[in-house]
Amino acid sequence: MLLLKKEYFQAVRVGTKRTTLRYWRSRRVRPGSIHLVPGLGKVHILEARPVQWSQLTDADAQADGFGCLSELRQKLEEIYPPEAREARRLYQVHFDLLRVKDQA
């Protein structure tokens, strides 16, 4: 299971959010795996790799559904206060939303 806030569901549906950043002790998802996002559907994990805060770019922010890097960083600091980041690494997870195909 992969959790996303409801506020991001529409951006995932239209494809403007294709990544998420997480502070984890160890990687919790593997490339090629499929995870349920409750309330949204299933996502296919394309990549899950450690990244450095200092190396994030505007392109990373846009892939995560934000307009710019400062917006992304502000949101990450809100979600993960310093004590929530202790002894954890930052991971960038790339995913695709799996679509339900029409049945004929």
Foldseek 3Di string as FASTA:
>chain_A
DDEDDPVCQVCQVVQQAFKDKDWALDDDDDQQDWDAHPPRGIKHWHDKAFDDLVPDFQVLQRNRPHRGSVVVVVVCCVVQPPVNNPNTTMMMIGIHGDDDDDDD
